[in-house]
Amino acid sequence: MKLSLPQRFHKYYDKKNNFEIIKNELDRTEADLTVFPELFLTGYSVRDKISELAEPITSELIVELSELAEKRKRALVFGMPERDTVQKGRIFNTAVFIDKQGTVGQYRKFFMVNFGPFEEKRYFHEGNLLPIFEVDDVKIGLIICYDIFFPELSKAYALRGVDLIICISAGPTTSRPFFEIMIPARAVESTVFFAYSNLIGPEKNLTFFGGNTVIDPRGKGLAKGEYFKEAEVEAEIDVESLDFVRSQRPTLRDTRGELFESVRDMLKPKTD
């Protein structure tokens, strides 16, 4: 499977501009799956405008992208603020997945960043599902930015048979050293391919560094975008190599479920 992580400057508050970037990339690319970063559709630092900019997963915009993906036979991932169609007051930080048949799905960010300059809990509800998607027999799990700091998410995906984990991100320059450690670590510890798609450019008091990356299950870099510049980042994902890698370093086989149970028990609220 050919994977593309185009590194493109976006405009925050400007859905029309960012929507056109996504459409143009689907028209241009020959990749099987194209990935854009966290909240790429609106920009990250929209704050109180989030309610105005959020869209349901059934919106006309999503339908148009779905039809284009089906027409071009290209799968797509991108980030947006999603308005819940059931409880309309709820908004999620969502990774939208559209397959080659135009079928739309979504992953909602599990962990909200709520320290330093980040106030995600003020604007977003937390997700609680780990859906698995598929492109050309490659099983894919999605996470969003801060989720990468919780290895249990990636391990849960890997134990359920995922081949590739994609992290879409709005990682600022101050966090770059941490992401550079986490990206290969998640790939190696769970023996999966790992792709990272990050915003680039300034937004208010934040600057995003880009650095889109694809890592193989041994931690080897397959492709990487230059920091702070637009770039073409493409790689081939060879899932047939996973069986051999996992036989040589069987971290999934050797995972002990009772450890997860003990952690769960430790995290239970204490009662008098």
Protein backbone atom coordinates (compact mmCIF):
# COMPACT_ATOMS: atom_id res chain seq x y z
CA MET A 1 0.00 0.00 0.00
CA LYS A 2 1.32 3.44 -0.93
CA LEU A 3 0.94 6.00 1.85
CA SER A 4 1.12 9.78 1.36
CA LEU A 5 1.45 12.37 4.14
CA PRO A 6 1.51 15.70 2.27
CA GLN A 7 2.99 18.47 4.37
CA ARG A 8 0.96 21.58 3.47
CA PHE A 9 0.47 25.01 5.02
CA HIS A 10 -3.12 25.54 6.12
CA LYS A 11 -5.09 28.63 7.17
CA TYR A 12 -6.85 28.60 10.51
CA TYR A 13 -10.52 29.65 10.47
CA ASP A 14 -10.52 29.04 6.68
CA LYS A 15 -12.34 25.76 5.99
CA LYS A 16 -12.78 26.56 2.32
CA ASN A 17 -9.05 26.98 1.74
CA ASN A 18 -8.13 23.83 3.65
CA PHE A 19 -10.91 21.83 2.00
CA GLU A 20 -9.50 22.78 -1.42
CA ILE A 21 -6.03 21.61 -0.36
CA ILE A 22 -7.45 18.19 0.53
CA LYS A 23 -9.43 17.98 -2.72
CA ASN A 24 -6.45 19.01 -4.83
CA GLU A 25 -4.28 16.39 -3.16
CA LEU A 26 -6.82 13.64 -3.91
CA ASP A 27 -6.83 14.76 -7.55
CA ARG A 28 -3.02 14.84 -7.70
CA THR A 29 -1.83 11.82 -5.77
CA GLU A 30 -1.46 8.21 -6.83
CA ALA A 31 -1.23 7.02 -3.24
CA ASP A 32 -3.73 4.52 -1.86
CA LEU A 33 -4.12 6.50 1.37
CA THR A 34 -3.55 10.22 1.91
CA VAL A 35 -3.30 11.63 5.43
CA PHE A 36 -3.67 15.20 6.71
CA PRO A 37 -3.03 16.41 10.29
CA GLU A 38 -5.14 17.06 13.37
CA LEU A 39 -7.86 19.70 12.89
CA PHE A 40 -6.44 20.46 9.43
CA LEU A 41 -9.86 21.52 8.16
CA THR A 42 -10.16 24.46 10.58
CA GLY A 43 -6.74 24.93 12.11
CA TYR A 44 -5.95 24.14 15.73
CA SER A 45 -6.10 27.50 17.53
CA VAL A 46 -9.69 28.46 16.77
CA ARG A 47 -10.78 28.33 20.43
CA ASP A 48 -14.25 29.88 20.92
CA LYS A 49 -14.95 29.64 17.18
CA ILE A 50 -14.97 25.85 17.47
CA SER A 51 -18.74 25.63 17.88
CA GLU A 52 -19.28 27.74 14.76
CA LEU A 53 -16.76 25.74 12.69
CA ALA A 54 -17.66 22.20 13.80
CA GLU A 55 -19.55 20.00 11.34
CA PRO A 56 -21.39 16.68 11.67
CA ILE A 57 -19.87 13.63 9.99
CA THR A 58 -22.85 13.70 7.60
CA SER A 59 -22.25 17.27 6.37
CA GLU A 60 -22.17 18.27 2.69
CA LEU A 61 -18.43 18.80 2.93
CA ILE A 62 -17.84 15.23 4.07
CA VAL A 63 -20.22 13.90 1.41
CA GLU A 64 -18.27 15.75 -1.30
CA LEU A 65 -14.97 14.31 -0.10
CA SER A 66 -16.56 10.86 0.13
CA GLU A 67 -17.72 11.07 -3.47
CA LEU A 68 -14.30 12.26 -4.63
CA ALA A 69 -12.51 9.46 -2.74
CA GLU A 70 -14.80 6.90 -4.37
CA LYS A 71 -14.31 8.45 -7.81
CA ARG A 72 -10.51 8.57 -7.49
CA LYS A 73 -10.29 5.25 -5.61
CA ARG A 74 -8.19 6.96 -2.94
CA ALA A 75 -8.62 6.60 0.81
CA LEU A 76 -8.29 9.65 3.04
CA VAL A 77 -7.68 10.69 6.67
CA PHE A 78 -7.93 14.26 7.98
CA GLY A 79 -8.72 16.05 11.23
CA MET A 80 -11.71 18.26 12.01
CA PRO A 81 -13.97 19.37 14.88
CA GLU A 82 -16.97 17.03 14.67
CA ARG A 83 -20.41 17.97 15.98
CA ASP A 84 -22.25 15.00 17.46
CA THR A 85 -25.47 14.28 15.56
CA VAL A 86 -27.11 12.74 18.64
CA GLN A 87 -26.18 15.20 21.37
CA LYS A 88 -25.68 18.32 19.29
CA GLY A 89 -23.94 20.27 22.05
CA ARG A 90 -21.01 17.84 22.05
CA ILE A 91 -17.96 18.43 19.85
CA PHE A 92 -15.14 15.95 19.29
CA ASN A 93 -11.58 16.32 18.02
CA THR A 94 -11.98 13.79 15.22
CA ALA A 95 -9.91 11.96 12.62
CA VAL A 96 -12.20 11.33 9.66
CA PHE A 97 -11.50 8.18 7.64
CA ILE A 98 -12.90 7.73 4.12
CA ASP A 99 -12.13 4.51 2.26
CA LYS A 100 -11.83 3.90 -1.49
CA GLN A 101 -15.53 3.07 -1.70
CA GLY A 102 -16.46 6.41 -0.11
CA THR A 103 -17.50 4.90 3.23
CA VAL A 104 -17.00 7.39 6.08
CA GLY A 105 -15.86 6.55 9.60
CA GLN A 106 -14.28 8.43 12.47
CA TYR A 107 -11.93 8.15 15.43
CA ARG A 108 -12.51 10.58 18.29
CA LYS A 109 -9.47 11.67 20.31
CA PHE A 110 -9.21 9.86 23.63
CA PHE A 111 -6.95 12.17 25.63
CA MET A 112 -7.41 15.95 25.78
CA VAL A 113 -4.37 18.19 26.33
CA ASN A 114 -5.15 20.48 29.23
CA PHE A 115 -1.91 22.03 30.44
CA GLY A 116 0.39 24.88 29.38
CA PRO A 117 -1.20 26.73 26.43
CA PHE A 118 -3.67 23.90 25.72
CA GLU A 119 -7.32 23.95 26.81
CA GLU A 120 -8.87 21.08 24.87
CA LYS A 121 -11.18 19.98 27.69
CA ARG A 122 -12.87 23.34 27.42
CA TYR A 123 -13.92 22.64 23.84
CA PHE A 124 -13.98 18.88 23.23
CA HIS A 125 -15.54 15.74 24.66
CA GLU A 126 -13.37 12.62 24.99
CA GLY A 127 -13.75 9.67 22.64
CA ASN A 128 -13.96 6.10 23.93
CA LEU A 129 -13.80 3.79 20.88
CA LEU A 130 -10.92 2.25 18.93
CA PRO A 131 -12.32 1.53 15.46
CA ILE A 132 -10.21 -0.38 12.95
CA PHE A 133 -10.22 0.67 9.30
CA GLU A 134 -8.86 -1.05 6.21
CA VAL A 135 -7.24 -0.09 2.91
CA ASP A 136 -6.13 -2.82 0.48
CA ASP A 137 -6.05 -5.45 3.27
CA VAL A 138 -3.94 -3.19 5.52
CA LYS A 139 -5.61 -2.85 8.93
CA ILE A 140 -5.31 0.67 10.30
CA GLY A 141 -5.75 2.27 13.71
CA LEU A 142 -5.94 6.02 14.28
CA ILE A 143 -4.79 8.17 17.20
CA ILE A 144 -4.51 11.93 17.62
CA CYS A 145 -1.50 13.87 18.95
CA TYR A 146 -1.45 13.57 22.79
CA ASP A 147 -2.83 10.02 22.44
CA ILE A 148 0.70 8.94 21.44
CA PHE A 149 1.84 9.43 25.05
CA PHE A 150 -0.45 6.59 26.16
CA PRO A 151 1.13 3.35 24.85
CA GLU A 152 -1.90 1.31 25.90
CA LEU A 153 -3.80 2.71 22.89
CA SER A 154 -1.21 1.53 20.37
CA LYS A 155 -0.80 -1.81 22.15
CA ALA A 156 -4.59 -2.33 22.14
CA TYR A 157 -4.68 -1.71 18.40
CA ALA A 158 -1.75 -4.06 17.77
CA LEU A 159 -3.28 -6.85 19.87
CA ARG A 160 -6.41 -6.54 17.72
CA GLY A 161 -4.42 -7.13 14.54
CA VAL A 162 -3.65 -3.64 13.26
CA ASP A 163 -0.74 -3.34 10.80
CA LEU A 164 -0.41 0.44 10.66
CA ILE A 165 -1.09 3.11 13.28
CA ILE A 166 -1.55 6.67 12.07
CA CYS A 167 -1.14 9.61 14.45
CA ILE A 168 -2.48 12.93 13.17
CA SER A 169 -1.11 15.79 15.20
CA ALA A 170 -0.87 19.48 16.02
CA GLY A 171 2.56 19.18 17.61
CA PRO A 172 4.24 22.52 18.42
CA THR A 173 7.98 23.12 18.32
CA THR A 174 8.28 22.86 22.12
CA SER A 175 7.02 19.27 21.96
CA ARG A 176 9.17 18.14 19.03
CA PRO A 177 11.82 16.31 21.12
CA PHE A 178 9.11 14.21 22.78
CA PHE A 179 7.41 13.23 19.53
CA GLU A 180 10.77 12.28 18.02
CA ILE A 181 11.17 9.76 20.84
CA MET A 182 7.58 8.50 20.92
CA ILE A 183 7.08 7.85 17.20
CA PRO A 184 9.70 5.10 16.80
CA ALA A 185 8.98 3.78 20.30
CA ARG A 186 5.31 3.10 19.46
CA ALA A 187 6.36 1.31 16.26
CA VAL A 188 8.95 -0.93 17.93
CA GLU A 189 7.11 -1.84 21.13
CA SER A 190 3.96 -2.91 19.25
CA THR A 191 5.69 -4.12 16.05
CA VAL A 192 3.56 -2.03 13.71
CA PHE A 193 4.18 0.48 10.95
CA PHE A 194 3.67 3.96 12.37
CA ALA A 195 2.87 7.18 10.46
CA TYR A 196 2.87 10.69 11.91
CA SER A 197 1.18 13.65 10.15
CA ASN A 198 1.69 17.04 11.77
CA LEU A 199 0.60 20.63 11.12
CA ILE A 200 3.19 23.14 9.92
CA GLY A 201 3.35 26.88 10.37
CA PRO A 202 2.34 29.52 12.94
CA GLU A 203 -1.04 29.94 14.62
CA LYS A 204 -1.36 32.68 17.23
CA ASN A 205 1.05 31.71 20.04
CA LEU A 206 1.95 28.27 18.62
CA THR A 207 4.23 27.16 15.78
CA PHE A 208 3.88 23.64 14.37
CA PHE A 209 6.99 21.91 13.08
CA GLY A 210 5.71 19.44 10.48
CA GLY A 211 8.18 16.56 10.29
CA ASN A 212 5.72 14.05 8.82
CA THR A 213 7.21 10.60 9.32
CA VAL A 214 6.72 6.95 8.42
CA ILE A 215 8.50 4.34 10.59
CA ASP A 216 8.75 0.59 10.09
CA PRO A 217 8.27 -1.99 12.91
CA ARG A 218 12.03 -2.05 13.61
CA GLY A 219 12.10 1.71 14.16
CA LYS A 220 13.68 2.49 10.78
CA GLY A 221 12.56 5.69 9.06
CA LEU A 222 10.97 5.12 5.66
CA ALA A 223 10.19 8.78 4.88
CA LYS A 224 10.35 12.14 6.64
CA GLY A 225 9.35 15.71 5.79
CA GLU A 226 11.66 18.63 6.43
CA TYR A 227 10.76 20.77 9.42
CA PHE A 228 8.76 23.97 8.82
CA LYS A 229 8.53 23.44 5.04
CA GLU A 230 6.00 21.96 2.65
CA ALA A 231 7.04 18.48 1.52
CA GLU A 232 6.00 15.30 -0.23
CA VAL A 233 6.22 12.41 2.24
CA GLU A 234 5.44 9.00 0.75
CA ALA A 235 6.23 5.40 1.67
CA GLU A 236 5.27 1.84 0.81
CA ILE A 237 3.73 -0.23 3.60
CA ASP A 238 4.68 -3.91 3.25
CA VAL A 239 2.52 -5.78 5.75
CA GLU A 240 3.95 -9.14 4.67
CA SER A 241 7.11 -8.24 6.59
CA LEU A 242 5.25 -8.05 9.91
CA ASP A 243 5.12 -11.80 10.59
CA PHE A 244 8.90 -12.08 10.41
CA VAL A 245 9.50 -8.99 12.56
CA ARG A 246 7.05 -10.22 15.19
CA SER A 247 8.65 -13.67 15.25
CA GLN A 248 12.05 -12.05 15.93
CA ARG A 249 10.77 -9.70 18.63
CA PRO A 250 7.48 -11.15 19.93
CA THR A 251 6.29 -8.32 22.15
CA LEU A 252 2.65 -8.96 21.27
CA ARG A 253 2.90 -12.68 22.07
CA ASP A 254 4.61 -11.91 25.38
CA THR A 255 2.17 -9.19 26.52
CA ARG A 256 0.68 -10.14 29.90
CA GLY A 257 -2.99 -9.28 30.32
CA GLU A 258 -2.89 -9.37 34.12
CA LEU A 259 -0.73 -6.24 34.10
CA PHE A 260 -3.51 -4.34 32.35
CA GLU A 261 -5.97 -5.64 34.94
CA SER A 262 -3.78 -4.50 37.82
CA VAL A 263 -3.38 -1.03 36.32
CA ARG A 264 -7.15 -0.81 35.83
CA ASP A 265 -7.65 -1.70 39.49
CA MET A 266 -5.13 0.93 40.61
CA LEU A 267 -6.96 3.60 38.62
CA LYS A 268 -10.38 2.85 40.08
CA PRO A 269 -11.74 5.73 42.19
CA LYS A 270 -11.17 5.10 45.89
CA THR A 271 -14.29 4.95 48.07
CA ASP A 272 -14.55 5.21 51.85
